[in-house]
PDB file of N, CA and C in Angstrom:
ATOM      1  N   MET A   1      94.473  73.616 121.801  1.00  0.00           N
ATOM      2  CA  MET A   1      95.331  74.316 120.837  1.00  0.00           C
ATOM      3  C   MET A   1      96.158  73.214 120.131  1.00  0.00           C
ATOM      4  N   ASN A   2      96.164  73.315 118.870  1.00  0.00           N
ATOM      5  CA  ASN A   2      96.908  72.342 118.008  1.00  0.00           C
ATOM      6  C   ASN A   2      98.335  72.743 117.950  1.00  0.00           C
ATOM      7  N   SER A   3      99.219  71.830 117.470  1.00  0.00           N
ATOM      8  CA  SER A   3     100.617  72.211 117.197  1.00  0.00           C
ATOM      9  C   SER A   3     100.909  72.396 115.761  1.00  0.00           C
ATOM     10  N   MET A   4      99.890  72.368 114.906  1.00  0.00           N
ATOM     11  CA  MET A   4     100.033  72.590 113.461  1.00  0.00           C
ATOM     12  C   MET A   4      99.262  73.746 113.006  1.00  0.00           C
ATOM     13  N   PRO A   5      99.747  74.557 112.145  1.00  0.00           N
ATOM     14  CA  PRO A   5      99.046  75.766 111.637  1.00  0.00           C
ATOM     15  C   PRO A   5      97.930  75.368 110.695  1.00  0.00           C
ATOM     16  N   ALA A   6      96.680  75.343 111.221  1.00  0.00           N
ATOM     17  CA  ALA A   6      95.562  74.988 110.322  1.00  0.00           C
ATOM     18  C   ALA A   6      94.316  75.826 110.672  1.00  0.00           C
ATOM     19  N   THR A   7      94.457  76.751 111.635  1.00  0.00           N
ATOM     20  CA  THR A   7      93.298  77.463 112.108  1.00  0.00           C
ATOM     21  C   THR A   7      92.969  78.675 111.145  1.00  0.00           C
ATOM     22  N   VAL A   8      91.735  78.755 110.811  1.00  0.00           N
ATOM     23  CA  VAL A   8      91.194  79.953 110.034  1.00  0.00           C
ATOM     24  C   VAL A   8      90.350  80.654 110.998  1.00  0.00           C
ATOM     25  N   CYS A   9      90.639  81.980 111.187  1.00  0.00           N
ATOM     26  CA  CYS A   9      89.903  82.751 112.186  1.00  0.00           C
ATOM     27  C   CYS A   9      88.448  82.980 111.665  1.00  0.00           C
ATOM     28  N   ALA A  10      87.491  82.705 112.586  1.00  0.00           N
ATOM     29  CA  ALA A  10      86.111  82.960 112.308  1.00  0.00           C
ATOM     30  C   ALA A  10      85.770  84.413 112.518  1.00  0.00           C
ATOM     31  N   SER A  11      84.714  84.892 111.858  1.00  0.00           N
ATOM     32  CA  SER A  11      84.422  86.324 111.956  1.00  0.00           C
ATOM     33  C   SER A  11      83.893  86.685 113.311  1.00  0.00           C
ATOM     34  N   ALA A  12      83.377  85.771 114.097  1.00  0.00           N
ATOM     35  CA  ALA A  12      82.793  86.084 115.437  1.00  0.00           C
ATOM     36  C   ALA A  12      83.841  86.180 116.491  1.00  0.00           C
ATOM     37  N   THR A  13      85.120  85.879 116.174  1.00  0.00           N
ATOM     38  CA  THR A  13      86.251  85.878 117.129  1.00  0.00           C
ATOM     39  C   THR A  13      87.266  86.813 116.705  1.00  0.00           C
ATOM     40  N   VAL A  14      88.140  87.133 117.640  1.00  0.00           N
ATOM     41  CA  VAL A  14      89.351  87.933 117.347  1.00  0.00           C
ATOM     42  C   VAL A  14      90.519  86.940 117.144  1.00  0.00           C
ATOM     43  N   CYS A  15      91.324  87.155 116.119  1.00  0.00           N
ATOM     44  CA  CYS A  15      92.458  86.260 115.877  1.00  0.00           C
ATOM     45  C   CYS A  15      93.755  87.122 115.897  1.00  0.00           C
ATOM     46  N   ARG A  16      94.704  86.539 116.553  1.00  0.00           N
ATOM     47  CA  ARG A  16      96.009  87.251 116.736  1.00  0.00           C
ATOM     48  C   ARG A  16      97.163  86.268 116.373  1.00  0.00           C
ATOM     49  N   ARG A  17      98.156  86.778 115.704  1.00  0.00           N
ATOM     50  CA  ARG A  17      99.402  86.021 115.526  1.00  0.00           C
ATOM     51  C   ARG A  17     100.372  86.512 116.548  1.00  0.00           C
ATOM     52  N   ILE A  18     101.079  85.675 117.257  1.00  0.00           N
ATOM     53  CA  ILE A  18     101.924  86.133 118.363  1.00  0.00           C
ATOM     54  C   ILE A  18     103.286  85.441 118.231  1.00  0.00           C
ATOM     55  N   ARG A  19     104.322  86.234 118.376  1.00  0.00           N
ATOM     56  CA  ARG A  19     105.721  85.758 118.373  1.00  0.00           C
ATOM     57  C   ARG A  19     106.265  85.911 119.729  1.00  0.00           C
ATOM     58  N   VAL A  20     106.803  84.839 120.350  1.00  0.00           N
ATOM     59  CA  VAL A  20     107.458  84.922 121.627  1.00  0.00           C
ATOM     60  C   VAL A  20     108.899  84.633 121.381  1.00  0.00           C
ATOM     61  N   ARG A  21     109.751  85.522 121.874  1.00  0.00           N
ATOM     62  CA  ARG A  21     111.244  85.365 121.705  1.00  0.00           C
ATOM     63  C   ARG A  21     111.892  85.214 123.023  1.00  0.00           C
ATOM     64  N   GLY A  22     113.073  84.615 123.029  1.00  0.00           N
ATOM     65  CA  GLY A  22     113.825  84.384 124.227  1.00  0.00           C
ATOM     66  C   GLY A  22     114.122  82.936 124.377  1.00  0.00           C
ATOM     67  N   GLN A  23     114.449  82.504 125.577  1.00  0.00           N
ATOM     68  CA  GLN A  23     114.714  81.056 125.882  1.00  0.00           C
ATOM     69  C   GLN A  23     113.404  80.441 126.103  1.00  0.00           C
ATOM     70  N   VAL A  24     112.771  79.979 125.032  1.00  0.00           N
ATOM     71  CA  VAL A  24     111.417  79.415 125.147  1.00  0.00           C
ATOM     72  C   VAL A  24     111.231  78.077 124.516  1.00  0.00           C
ATOM     73  N   GLN A  25     112.364  77.438 124.132  1.00  0.00           N
ATOM     74  CA  GLN A  25     112.343  76.110 123.553  1.00  0.00           C
ATOM     75  C   GLN A  25     113.078  75.190 124.537  1.00  0.00           C
ATOM     76  N   GLY A  26     112.472  73.985 124.648  1.00  0.00           N
ATOM     77  CA  GLY A  26     113.055  73.026 125.564  1.00  0.00           C
ATOM     78  C   GLY A  26     112.839  73.286 126.970  1.00  0.00           C
ATOM     79  N   VAL A  27     111.881  74.189 127.336  1.00  0.00           N
ATOM     80  CA  VAL A  27     111.638  74.483 128.720  1.00  0.00           C
ATOM     81  C   VAL A  27     110.163  74.335 129.150  1.00  0.00           C
ATOM     82  N   GLY A  28     109.394  73.685 128.310  1.00  0.00           N
ATOM     83  CA  GLY A  28     107.987  73.430 128.601  1.00  0.00           C
ATOM     84  C   GLY A  28     107.101  74.565 128.235  1.00  0.00           C
ATOM     85  N   PHE A  29     107.548  75.427 127.322  1.00  0.00           N
ATOM     86  CA  PHE A  29     106.745  76.629 126.929  1.00  0.00           C
ATOM     87  C   PHE A  29     105.468  76.281 126.102  1.00  0.00           C
ATOM     88  N   ARG A  30     105.616  75.350 125.129  1.00  0.00           N
ATOM     89  CA  ARG A  30     104.448  74.952 124.367  1.00  0.00           C
ATOM     90  C   ARG A  30     103.353  74.301 125.213  1.00  0.00           C
ATOM     91  N   PRO A  31     103.688  73.400 126.115  1.00  0.00           N
ATOM     92  CA  PRO A  31     102.673  72.810 127.022  1.00  0.00           C
ATOM     93  C   PRO A  31     102.001  73.918 127.840  1.00  0.00           C
ATOM     94  N   PHE A  32     102.808  74.925 128.318  1.00  0.00           N
ATOM     95  CA  PHE A  32     102.266  76.050 129.068  1.00  0.00           C
ATOM     96  C   PHE A  32     101.298  76.831 128.258  1.00  0.00           C
ATOM     97  N   VAL A  33     101.617  77.049 126.940  1.00  0.00           N
ATOM     98  CA  VAL A  33     100.751  77.787 126.059  1.00  0.00           C
ATOM     99  C   VAL A  33      99.410  77.020 125.929  1.00  0.00           C
ATOM    100  N   TYR A  34      99.521  75.744 125.719  1.00  0.00           N
ATOM    101  CA  TYR A  34      98.353  74.880 125.559  1.00  0.00           C
ATOM    102  C   TYR A  34      97.413  74.997 126.841  1.00  0.00           C
ATOM    103  N   ARG A  35      98.009  74.789 128.017  1.00  0.00           N
ATOM    104  CA  ARG A  35      97.218  74.833 129.236  1.00  0.00           C
ATOM    105  C   ARG A  35      96.542  76.233 129.422  1.00  0.00           C
ATOM    106  N   LEU A  36      97.294  77.270 129.128  1.00  0.00           N
ATOM    107  CA  LEU A  36      96.779  78.625 129.278  1.00  0.00           C
ATOM    108  C   LEU A  36      95.653  78.912 128.318  1.00  0.00           C
ATOM    109  N   ALA A  37      95.793  78.429 127.075  1.00  0.00           N
ATOM    110  CA  ALA A  37      94.779  78.524 126.071  1.00  0.00           C
ATOM    111  C   ALA A  37      93.490  77.753 126.466  1.00  0.00           C
ATOM    112  N   GLN A  38      93.677  76.574 127.012  1.00  0.00           N
ATOM    113  CA  GLN A  38      92.505  75.811 127.472  1.00  0.00           C
ATOM    114  C   GLN A  38      91.800  76.561 128.548  1.00  0.00           C
ATOM    115  N   GLU A  39      92.578  77.107 129.486  1.00  0.00           N
ATOM    116  CA  GLU A  39      91.953  77.823 130.640  1.00  0.00           C
ATOM    117  C   GLU A  39      91.130  79.040 130.198  1.00  0.00           C
ATOM    118  N   LEU A  40      91.580  79.685 129.182  1.00  0.00           N
ATOM    119  CA  LEU A  40      90.984  80.922 128.647  1.00  0.00           C
ATOM    120  C   LEU A  40      90.080  80.745 127.461  1.00  0.00           C
ATOM    121  N   ASN A  41      89.842  79.507 127.104  1.00  0.00           N
ATOM    122  CA  ASN A  41      88.978  79.141 125.950  1.00  0.00           C
ATOM    123  C   ASN A  41      89.482  79.772 124.687  1.00  0.00           C
ATOM    124  N   ILE A  42      90.753  79.637 124.459  1.00  0.00           N
ATOM    125  CA  ILE A  42      91.435  80.213 123.261  1.00  0.00           C
ATOM    126  C   ILE A  42      91.717  78.971 122.310  1.00  0.00           C
ATOM    127  N   ALA A  43      91.436  79.154 121.037  1.00  0.00           N
ATOM    128  CA  ALA A  43      91.687  78.136 120.060  1.00  0.00           C
ATOM    129  C   ALA A  43      92.895  78.569 119.221  1.00  0.00           C
ATOM    130  N   GLY A  44      93.513  77.665 118.482  1.00  0.00           N
ATOM    131  CA  GLY A  44      94.599  78.058 117.548  1.00  0.00           C
ATOM    132  C   GLY A  44      95.671  76.999 117.600  1.00  0.00           C
ATOM    133  N   TRP A  45      96.885  77.432 117.298  1.00  0.00           N
ATOM    134  CA  TRP A  45      98.067  76.580 117.295  1.00  0.00           C
ATOM    135  C   TRP A  45      99.283  77.231 117.805  1.00  0.00           C
ATOM    136  N   VAL A  46     100.275  76.350 118.082  1.00  0.00           N
ATOM    137  CA  VAL A  46     101.554  76.874 118.619  1.00  0.00           C
ATOM    138  C   VAL A  46     102.679  75.962 118.045  1.00  0.00           C
ATOM    139  N   ARG A  47     103.760  76.574 117.679  1.00  0.00           N
ATOM    140  CA  ARG A  47     104.878  75.795 117.156  1.00  0.00           C
ATOM    141  C   ARG A  47     106.190  76.490 117.461  1.00  0.00           C
ATOM    142  N   ASN A  48     107.275  75.731 117.613  1.00  0.00           N
ATOM    143  CA  ASN A  48     108.610  76.241 117.650  1.00  0.00           C
ATOM    144  C   ASN A  48     109.157  76.471 116.260  1.00  0.00           C
ATOM    145  N   ASP A  49     110.020  77.482 116.154  1.00  0.00           N
ATOM    146  CA  ASP A  49     110.764  77.655 114.897  1.00  0.00           C
ATOM    147  C   ASP A  49     112.093  78.312 115.265  1.00  0.00           C
ATOM    148  N   GLY A  50     112.873  78.669 114.260  1.00  0.00           N
ATOM    149  CA  GLY A  50     114.151  79.241 114.535  1.00  0.00           C
ATOM    150  C   GLY A  50     114.218  80.554 115.281  1.00  0.00           C
ATOM    151  N   GLU A  51     113.122  81.282 115.433  1.00  0.00           N
ATOM    152  CA  GLU A  51     113.018  82.519 116.046  1.00  0.00           C
ATOM    153  C   GLU A  51     112.346  82.476 117.405  1.00  0.00           C
ATOM    154  N   GLY A  52     111.909  81.344 117.837  1.00  0.00           N
ATOM    155  CA  GLY A  52     111.242  81.223 119.171  1.00  0.00           C
ATOM    156  C   GLY A  52     109.988  80.422 119.011  1.00  0.00           C
ATOM    157  N   VAL A  53     108.831  80.949 119.503  1.00  0.00           N
ATOM    158  CA  VAL A  53     107.600  80.247 119.522  1.00  0.00           C
ATOM    159  C   VAL A  53     106.628  81.108 118.660  1.00  0.00           C
ATOM    160  N   ASP A  54     105.927  80.530 117.695  1.00  0.00           N
ATOM    161  CA  ASP A  54     104.955  81.181 116.916  1.00  0.00           C
ATOM    162  C   ASP A  54     103.570  80.626 117.284  1.00  0.00           C
ATOM    163  N   ILE A  55     102.658  81.620 117.508  1.00  0.00           N
ATOM    164  CA  ILE A  55     101.295  81.221 118.027  1.00  0.00           C
ATOM    165  C   ILE A  55     100.226  81.953 117.166  1.00  0.00           C
ATOM    166  N   GLU A  56      99.182  81.240 116.803  1.00  0.00           N
ATOM    167  CA  GLU A  56      98.000  81.866 116.248  1.00  0.00           C
ATOM    168  C   GLU A  56      96.904  81.529 117.247  1.00  0.00           C
ATOM    169  N   ALA A  57      96.274  82.530 117.757  1.00  0.00           N
ATOM    170  CA  ALA A  57      95.235  82.348 118.829  1.00  0.00           C
ATOM    171  C   ALA A  57      93.991  83.101 118.425  1.00  0.00           C
ATOM    172  N   GLN A  58      92.810  82.419 118.697  1.00  0.00           N
ATOM    173  CA  GLN A  58      91.554  83.115 118.482  1.00  0.00           C
ATOM    174  C   GLN A  58      90.611  82.871 119.639  1.00  0.00           C
ATOM    175  N   GLY A  59      89.836  83.951 119.874  1.00  0.00           N
ATOM    176  CA  GLY A  59      88.871  83.875 121.001  1.00  0.00           C
ATOM    177  C   GLY A  59      88.299  85.220 121.281  1.00  0.00           C
ATOM    178  N   ALA A  60      87.631  85.387 122.373  1.00  0.00           N
ATOM    179  CA  ALA A  60      87.121  86.665 122.790  1.00  0.00           C
ATOM    180  C   ALA A  60      88.239  87.667 123.027  1.00  0.00           C
ATOM    181  N   ALA A  61      88.021  88.943 122.663  1.00  0.00           N
ATOM    182  CA  ALA A  61      89.091  89.925 122.737  1.00  0.00           C
ATOM    183  C   ALA A  61      89.709  90.031 124.134  1.00  0.00           C
ATOM    184  N   LYS A  62      88.877  90.045 125.204  1.00  0.00           N
ATOM    185  CA  LYS A  62      89.372  90.177 126.532  1.00  0.00           C
ATOM    186  C   LYS A  62      90.193  88.974 126.903  1.00  0.00           C
ATOM    187  N   MET A  63      89.790  87.766 126.516  1.00  0.00           N
ATOM    188  CA  MET A  63      90.540  86.559 126.804  1.00  0.00           C
ATOM    189  C   MET A  63      91.868  86.534 126.105  1.00  0.00           C
ATOM    190  N   LEU A  64      91.867  87.027 124.827  1.00  0.00           N
ATOM    191  CA  LEU A  64      93.150  87.088 124.061  1.00  0.00           C
ATOM    192  C   LEU A  64      94.095  88.074 124.704  1.00  0.00           C
ATOM    193  N   GLU A  65      93.657  89.234 125.238  1.00  0.00           N
ATOM    194  CA  GLU A  65      94.521  90.173 125.896  1.00  0.00           C
ATOM    195  C   GLU A  65      95.130  89.542 127.169  1.00  0.00           C
ATOM    196  N   ALA A  66      94.264  88.835 127.956  1.00  0.00           N
ATOM    197  CA  ALA A  66      94.781  88.152 129.153  1.00  0.00           C
ATOM    198  C   ALA A  66      95.795  87.102 128.795  1.00  0.00           C
ATOM    199  N   PHE A  67      95.486  86.321 127.714  1.00  0.00           N
ATOM    200  CA  PHE A  67      96.394  85.288 127.265  1.00  0.00           C
ATOM    201  C   PHE A  67      97.748  85.843 126.917  1.00  0.00           C
ATOM    202  N   ILE A  68      97.809  86.895 126.129  1.00  0.00           N
ATOM    203  CA  ILE A  68      99.001  87.568 125.681  1.00  0.00           C
ATOM    204  C   ILE A  68      99.850  88.100 126.894  1.00  0.00           C
ATOM    205  N   ALA A  69      99.075  88.766 127.851  1.00  0.00           N
ATOM    206  CA  ALA A  69      99.795  89.291 129.020  1.00  0.00           C
ATOM    207  C   ALA A  69     100.395  88.127 129.838  1.00  0.00           C
ATOM    208  N   ARG A  70      99.722  87.074 130.037  1.00  0.00           N
ATOM    209  CA  ARG A  70     100.107  85.945 130.830  1.00  0.00           C
ATOM    210  C   ARG A  70     101.240  85.119 130.186  1.00  0.00           C
ATOM    211  N   LEU A  71     101.396  85.192 128.929  1.00  0.00           N
ATOM    212  CA  LEU A  71     102.527  84.462 128.264  1.00  0.00           C
ATOM    213  C   LEU A  71     103.847  84.925 128.849  1.00  0.00           C
ATOM    214  N   GLU A  72     103.970  86.196 129.193  1.00  0.00           N
ATOM    215  CA  GLU A  72     105.185  86.677 129.722  1.00  0.00           C
ATOM    216  C   GLU A  72     105.275  86.589 131.229  1.00  0.00           C
ATOM    217  N   THR A  73     104.156  86.911 131.909  1.00  0.00           N
ATOM    218  CA  THR A  73     104.180  86.980 133.375  1.00  0.00           C
ATOM    219  C   THR A  73     104.130  85.620 134.059  1.00  0.00           C
ATOM    220  N   GLU A  74     103.621  84.631 133.345  1.00  0.00           N
ATOM    221  CA  GLU A  74     103.438  83.385 133.979  1.00  0.00           C
ATOM    222  C   GLU A  74     104.259  82.214 133.301  1.00  0.00           C
ATOM    223  N   ALA A  75     105.238  82.583 132.525  1.00  0.00           N
ATOM    224  CA  ALA A  75     105.998  81.598 131.759  1.00  0.00           C
ATOM    225  C   ALA A  75     106.629  80.573 132.691  1.00  0.00           C
ATOM    226  N   PRO A  76     106.981  79.407 132.192  1.00  0.00           N
ATOM    227  CA  PRO A  76     107.578  78.380 133.039  1.00  0.00           C
ATOM    228  C   PRO A  76     108.918  78.951 133.645  1.00  0.00           C
ATOM    229  N   PRO A  77     109.291  78.356 134.793  1.00  0.00           N
ATOM    230  CA  PRO A  77     110.507  78.862 135.511  1.00  0.00           C
ATOM    231  C   PRO A  77     111.795  78.871 134.690  1.00  0.00           C
ATOM    232  N   LEU A  78     111.962  77.875 133.805  1.00  0.00           N
ATOM    233  CA  LEU A  78     113.182  77.848 133.052  1.00  0.00           C
ATOM    234  C   LEU A  78     113.136  78.733 131.786  1.00  0.00           C
ATOM    235  N   ALA A  79     112.004  79.226 131.442  1.00  0.00           N
ATOM    236  CA  ALA A  79     111.878  80.064 130.293  1.00  0.00           C
ATOM    237  C   ALA A  79     112.318  81.539 130.621  1.00  0.00           C
ATOM    238  N   SER A  80     112.814  82.201 129.597  1.00  0.00           N
ATOM    239  CA  SER A  80     113.275  83.573 129.676  1.00  0.00           C
ATOM    240  C   SER A  80     112.713  84.330 128.465  1.00  0.00           C
ATOM    241  N   VAL A  81     111.487  84.921 128.671  1.00  0.00           N
ATOM    242  CA  VAL A  81     110.784  85.648 127.585  1.00  0.00           C
ATOM    243  C   VAL A  81     111.423  87.054 127.417  1.00  0.00           C
ATOM    244  N   THR A  82     111.996  87.312 126.244  1.00  0.00           N
ATOM    245  CA  THR A  82     112.514  88.628 125.993  1.00  0.00           C
ATOM    246  C   THR A  82     111.602  89.523 125.259  1.00  0.00           C
ATOM    247  N   ALA A  83     110.661  88.970 124.560  1.00  0.00           N
ATOM    248  CA  ALA A  83     109.708  89.792 123.805  1.00  0.00           C
ATOM    249  C   ALA A  83     108.407  88.971 123.441  1.00  0.00           C
ATOM    250  N   VAL A  84     107.291  89.571 123.574  1.00  0.00           N
ATOM    251  CA  VAL A  84     106.003  89.070 123.051  1.00  0.00           C
ATOM    252  C   VAL A  84     105.536  89.982 121.982  1.00  0.00           C
ATOM    253  N   GLU A  85     105.598  89.602 120.774  1.00  0.00           N
ATOM    254  CA  GLU A  85     105.288  90.505 119.661  1.00  0.00           C
ATOM    255  C   GLU A  85     103.929  90.119 118.952  1.00  0.00           C
ATOM    256  N   ARG A  86     103.222  91.115 118.548  1.00  0.00           N
ATOM    257  CA  ARG A  86     101.961  90.937 117.858  1.00  0.00           C
ATOM    258  C   ARG A  86     102.071  91.661 116.515  1.00  0.00           C
ATOM    259  N   PRO A  87     102.628  90.984 115.478  1.00  0.00           N
ATOM    260  CA  PRO A  87     102.758  91.576 114.147  1.00  0.00           C
ATOM    261  C   PRO A  87     101.416  91.994 113.675  1.00  0.00           C
ATOM    262  N   ARG A  88     101.425  93.214 113.058  1.00  0.00           N
ATOM    263  CA  ARG A  88     100.139  93.747 112.498  1.00  0.00           C
ATOM    264  C   ARG A  88      99.800  93.044 111.217  1.00  0.00           C
ATOM    265  N   ARG A  89      98.511  92.795 111.119  1.00  0.00           N
ATOM    266  CA  ARG A  89      98.063  92.209 109.832  1.00  0.00           C
ATOM    267  C   ARG A  89      97.508  93.313 108.971  1.00  0.00           C
ATOM    268  N   ARG A  90      97.844  93.167 107.724  1.00  0.00           N
ATOM    269  CA  ARG A  90      97.333  94.164 106.765  1.00  0.00           C
ATOM    270  C   ARG A  90      95.918  93.790 106.384  1.00  0.00           C
ATOM    271  N   ARG A  91      95.082  94.823 106.309  1.00  0.00           N
ATOM    272  CA  ARG A  91      93.691  94.570 105.923  1.00  0.00           C
ATOM    273  C   ARG A  91      93.609  94.397 104.442  1.00  0.00           C
ATOM    274  N   ALA A  92      92.848  93.423 104.015  1.00  0.00           N
ATOM    275  CA  ALA A  92      92.666  93.207 102.538  1.00  0.00           C
ATOM    276  C   ALA A  92      91.721  94.377 102.060  1.00  0.00           C
ATOM    277  N   THR A  93      92.030  94.775 100.872  1.00  0.00           N
ATOM    278  CA  THR A  93      91.124  95.789 100.263  1.00  0.00           C
ATOM    279  C   THR A  93      89.834  95.095  99.780  1.00  0.00           C
ATOM    280  N   ARG A  94      88.818  95.836  99.568  1.00  0.00           N
ATOM    281  CA  ARG A  94      87.522  95.239  99.167  1.00  0.00           C
ATOM    282  C   ARG A  94      87.675  94.454  97.818  1.00  0.00           C
ATOM    283  N   ALA A  95      88.459  95.057  96.941  1.00  0.00           N
ATOM    284  CA  ALA A  95      88.589  94.442  95.614  1.00  0.00           C
ATOM    285  C   ALA A  95      89.363  93.066  95.753  1.00  0.00           C
ATOM    286  N   ALA A  96      90.379  93.071  96.663  1.00  0.00           N
ATOM    287  CA  ALA A  96      91.193  91.844  96.861  1.00  0.00           C
ATOM    288  C   ALA A  96      90.232  90.783  97.552  1.00  0.00           C
ATOM    289  N   SER A  97      89.423  91.215  98.509  1.00  0.00           N
ATOM    290  CA  SER A  97      88.532  90.300  99.122  1.00  0.00           C
ATOM    291  C   SER A  97      87.554  89.670  98.165  1.00  0.00           C
ATOM    292  N   ARG A  98      86.990  90.509  97.304  1.00  0.00           N
ATOM    293  CA  ARG A  98      86.026  90.002  96.327  1.00  0.00           C
ATOM    294  C   ARG A  98      86.683  89.088  95.313  1.00  0.00           C
ATOM    295  N   SER A  99      87.921  89.425  94.968  1.00  0.00           N
ATOM    296  CA  SER A  99      88.656  88.579  94.010  1.00  0.00           C
ATOM    297  C   SER A  99      88.960  87.267  94.619  1.00  0.00           C
ATOM    298  N   LYS A 100      89.355  87.220  95.900  1.00  0.00           N
ATOM    299  CA  LYS A 100      89.635  85.956  96.543  1.00  0.00           C
ATOM    300  C   LYS A 100      88.392  85.162  96.719  1.00  0.00           C
ATOM    301  N   SER A 101      87.292  85.743  97.089  1.00  0.00           N
ATOM    302  CA  SER A 101      86.008  85.077  97.274  1.00  0.00           C
ATOM    303  C   SER A 101      85.591  84.458  95.899  1.00  0.00           C
ATOM    304  N   ALA A 102      85.763  85.166  94.809  1.00  0.00           N
ATOM    305  CA  ALA A 102      85.382  84.700  93.507  1.00  0.00           C
ATOM    306  C   ALA A 102      86.297  83.530  93.075  1.00  0.00           C
ATOM    307  N   ALA A 103      87.539  83.607  93.435  1.00  0.00           N
ATOM    308  CA  ALA A 103      88.460  82.541  92.992  1.00  0.00           C
ATOM    309  C   ALA A 103      88.263  81.267  93.831  1.00  0.00           C
ATOM    310  N   THR A 104      87.732  81.402  95.021  1.00  0.00           N
ATOM    311  CA  THR A 104      87.529  80.196  95.850  1.00  0.00           C
ATOM    312  C   THR A 104      86.154  79.608  95.889  1.00  0.00           C
ATOM    313  N   ALA A 105      85.180  80.405  95.276  1.00  0.00           N
ATOM    314  CA  ALA A 105      83.759  79.943  95.259  1.00  0.00           C
ATOM    315  C   ALA A 105      83.624  78.658  94.476  1.00  0.00           C
ATOM    316  N   ARG A 106      82.695  77.887  94.853  1.00  0.00           N
ATOM    317  CA  ARG A 106      82.396  76.602  94.184  1.00  0.00           C
ATOM    318  C   ARG A 106      81.690  76.933  92.868  1.00  0.00           C
ATOM    319  N   ARG A 107      82.064  76.242  91.868  1.00  0.00           N
ATOM    320  CA  ARG A 107      81.399  76.435  90.543  1.00  0.00           C
ATOM    321  C   ARG A 107      80.338  75.414  90.424  1.00  0.00           C
ATOM    322  N   THR A 108      79.198  75.817  89.944  1.00  0.00           N
ATOM    323  CA  THR A 108      78.107  74.884  89.739  1.00  0.00           C
ATOM    324  C   THR A 108      78.094  74.396  88.302  1.00  0.00           C
ATOM    325  N   PRO A 109      77.862  73.120  88.023  1.00  0.00           N
ATOM    326  CA  PRO A 109      77.842  72.705  86.617  1.00  0.00           C
ATOM    327  C   PRO A 109      76.678  73.281  85.918  1.00  0.00           C
ATOM    328  N   ARG A 110      76.874  73.539  84.622  1.00  0.00           N
ATOM    329  CA  ARG A 110      75.801  73.995  83.780  1.00  0.00           C
ATOM    330  C   ARG A 110      75.055  72.964  83.081  1.00  0.00           C
TER     331      ARG A 110
END
């Protein structure tokens, strides 16, 4: 799991954005997230910010659910997790998806 946000979720995996709130900075929480992700074969990134820890994780659905559950139940001893949030992602409309695909497609020279 990287510490920089650069992951793009592949269609064959489930991708979740996760926000962990509480005393989760300066207590070994990011290394814990990394080890847990490695154990469960989860890819993505983790970073601290002003609101706690921000995570993007991708992998098999069952592994992601286990990962999210264990973030709270197995946190480092000095951590105090007050919330594990999964913000909902809005689905892109078909027209928006086509528009984005057209805008990012490679143009071939004529």
